[in-house]
Amino acid sequence: AFLSWLDAQTPVKGSRLDKAVIYIRNRKDSLMTYLEDGRCSLSNNLSENAIRPITVGRKNWLFCDSVDGANASAICFTMIEMAKAYDLNVYKYLNFLLEKRPNARTAQKELEKLAPWNEEVQKMFARKMK
């Protein structure tokens, strides 16, 4: 019903409604996915909010001093956001990582034991319910 309504629209060329109709027509496949699966979110607000601190801090990163410093910052921010995504106590999880000090020579199996999706890590650092 909605798509037939959309197809019947003939707004004034160049108007705001015309731009909106063109936008939706060009994204019809994505819209259908949203309509077919109620678990899909029409908004990306959760993603936007998750990266907001990184976006706000962008100017501060001009002072990373080197490519290696920028890469180190990116790794740190990634680990923080992954800990948040897995609902871990970020402070305790980062302390754990710093104690273990993984590096380029750390075996893949050892890295898996440190990953935020590892069940043992999740048990140790799960954020407590209030």
Protein backbone atom coordinates (compact mmCIF):
# COMPACT_ATOMS: atom_id res chain seq x y z
CA ALA A 1 0.00 0.00 0.00
CA PHE A 2 2.75 2.47 0.95
CA LEU A 3 4.84 1.73 -2.11
CA SER A 4 1.85 2.08 -4.44
CA TRP A 5 1.15 5.46 -2.79
CA LEU A 6 4.78 6.42 -3.30
CA ASP A 7 4.75 5.38 -6.96
CA ALA A 8 1.61 7.49 -7.54
CA GLN A 9 3.29 10.68 -6.33
CA THR A 10 4.23 13.30 -8.92
CA PRO A 11 5.56 16.24 -6.91
CA VAL A 12 6.78 19.47 -8.48
CA LYS A 13 10.24 18.82 -9.92
CA GLY A 14 12.99 20.10 -7.63
CA SER A 15 10.67 20.59 -4.65
CA ARG A 16 11.49 19.21 -1.21
CA LEU A 17 8.79 16.56 -1.64
CA ASP A 18 10.30 15.60 -5.01
CA LYS A 19 13.71 15.14 -3.37
CA ALA A 20 12.16 13.04 -0.59
CA VAL A 21 10.26 10.82 -3.05
CA ILE A 22 13.38 10.33 -5.20
CA TYR A 23 15.40 9.51 -2.07
CA ILE A 24 12.94 6.79 -1.00
CA ARG A 25 12.54 5.39 -4.53
CA ASN A 26 16.32 5.04 -4.81
CA ARG A 27 16.42 3.14 -1.52
CA LYS A 28 13.39 0.95 -2.04
CA ASP A 29 15.32 -2.30 -1.38
CA SER A 30 16.56 -1.06 2.00
CA LEU A 31 13.10 0.16 2.89
CA MET A 32 11.63 -3.23 2.05
CA THR A 33 14.15 -4.94 4.34
CA TYR A 34 13.06 -2.65 7.15
CA LEU A 35 9.39 -3.38 6.46
CA GLU A 36 9.94 -7.16 6.23
CA ASP A 37 11.97 -7.51 9.45
CA GLY A 38 10.82 -5.66 12.55
CA ARG A 39 14.23 -6.09 14.19
CA CYS A 40 15.75 -3.64 11.72
CA SER A 41 16.03 -0.06 12.84
CA LEU A 42 15.06 2.68 10.43
CA SER A 43 17.42 5.01 12.25
CA ASN A 44 21.16 4.74 12.77
CA ASN A 45 21.01 6.83 15.96
CA LEU A 46 22.63 4.07 18.06
CA SER A 47 25.63 3.97 15.71
CA GLU A 48 25.80 7.76 15.56
CA ASN A 49 25.74 8.05 19.34
CA ALA A 50 28.42 5.36 19.73
CA ILE A 51 30.89 7.26 17.55
CA ARG A 52 30.03 10.74 18.85
CA PRO A 53 32.88 10.82 21.42
CA ILE A 54 35.33 9.87 18.68
CA THR A 55 33.98 12.53 16.37
CA VAL A 56 34.13 15.18 19.07
CA GLY A 57 37.72 14.22 19.87
CA ARG A 58 38.84 14.31 16.24
CA LYS A 59 40.65 17.67 16.54
CA ASN A 60 42.55 16.41 19.56
CA TRP A 61 44.00 13.63 17.44
CA LEU A 62 45.90 16.14 15.37
CA PHE A 63 48.33 15.96 18.24
CA CYS A 64 49.00 12.22 18.01
CA ASP A 65 52.44 13.27 16.72
CA SER A 66 52.96 10.24 14.46
CA VAL A 67 51.22 7.57 12.44
CA ASP A 68 52.12 5.03 15.12
CA GLY A 69 50.55 7.27 17.77
CA ALA A 70 47.37 7.61 15.71
CA ASN A 71 47.25 3.83 15.19
CA ALA A 72 47.69 3.25 18.93
CA SER A 73 44.84 5.68 19.65
CA ALA A 74 42.60 3.92 17.12
CA ILE A 75 43.32 0.54 18.74
CA CYS A 76 42.55 1.93 22.21
CA PHE A 77 39.28 3.51 21.11
CA THR A 78 38.30 0.31 19.31
CA MET A 79 38.91 -1.78 22.42
CA ILE A 80 36.89 0.66 24.53
CA GLU A 81 33.94 0.58 22.14
CA MET A 82 34.12 -3.23 21.86
CA ALA A 83 34.06 -3.52 25.66
CA LYS A 84 31.00 -1.27 25.72
CA ALA A 85 29.33 -3.31 22.97
CA TYR A 86 29.79 -6.49 25.03
CA ASP A 87 28.59 -4.70 28.19
CA LEU A 88 31.89 -5.12 30.03
CA ASN A 89 33.25 -2.94 32.81
CA VAL A 90 35.54 -0.92 30.55
CA TYR A 91 37.98 0.19 33.24
CA LYS A 92 38.55 -3.33 34.60
CA TYR A 93 38.74 -4.83 31.11
CA LEU A 94 41.38 -2.31 29.97
CA ASN A 95 43.39 -2.95 33.15
CA PHE A 96 43.22 -6.67 32.34
CA LEU A 97 44.52 -6.04 28.81
CA LEU A 98 47.33 -3.84 30.08
CA GLU A 99 48.36 -6.54 32.56
CA LYS A 100 48.45 -9.18 29.82
CA ARG A 101 50.18 -6.83 27.34
CA PRO A 102 49.44 -8.64 24.06
CA ASN A 103 51.75 -7.74 21.20
CA ALA A 104 52.52 -8.72 17.60
CA ARG A 105 54.09 -11.99 18.76
CA THR A 106 51.07 -13.06 20.83
CA ALA A 107 49.55 -16.25 19.39
CA GLN A 108 46.06 -16.10 17.95
CA LYS A 109 44.74 -18.54 20.60
CA GLU A 110 46.03 -16.26 23.34
CA LEU A 111 44.45 -13.21 21.72
CA GLU A 112 41.10 -15.06 21.59
CA LYS A 113 41.31 -15.51 25.36
CA LEU A 114 41.59 -11.73 25.75
CA ALA A 115 38.82 -10.76 23.32
CA PRO A 116 35.69 -9.08 24.69
CA TRP A 117 33.49 -11.74 23.08
CA ASN A 118 35.29 -14.54 24.94
CA GLU A 119 32.87 -16.10 27.45
CA GLU A 120 35.43 -16.16 30.26
CA VAL A 121 36.24 -12.48 29.73
CA GLN A 122 32.52 -11.69 29.76
CA LYS A 123 32.10 -13.53 33.07
CA MET A 124 35.05 -11.73 34.64
CA PHE A 125 34.17 -8.22 33.48
CA ALA A 126 30.41 -8.16 33.03
CA ARG A 127 28.94 -4.87 34.13
CA LYS A 128 26.91 -5.57 37.25
CA MET A 129 23.18 -4.91 37.22
CA LYS A 130 22.19 -1.96 39.41
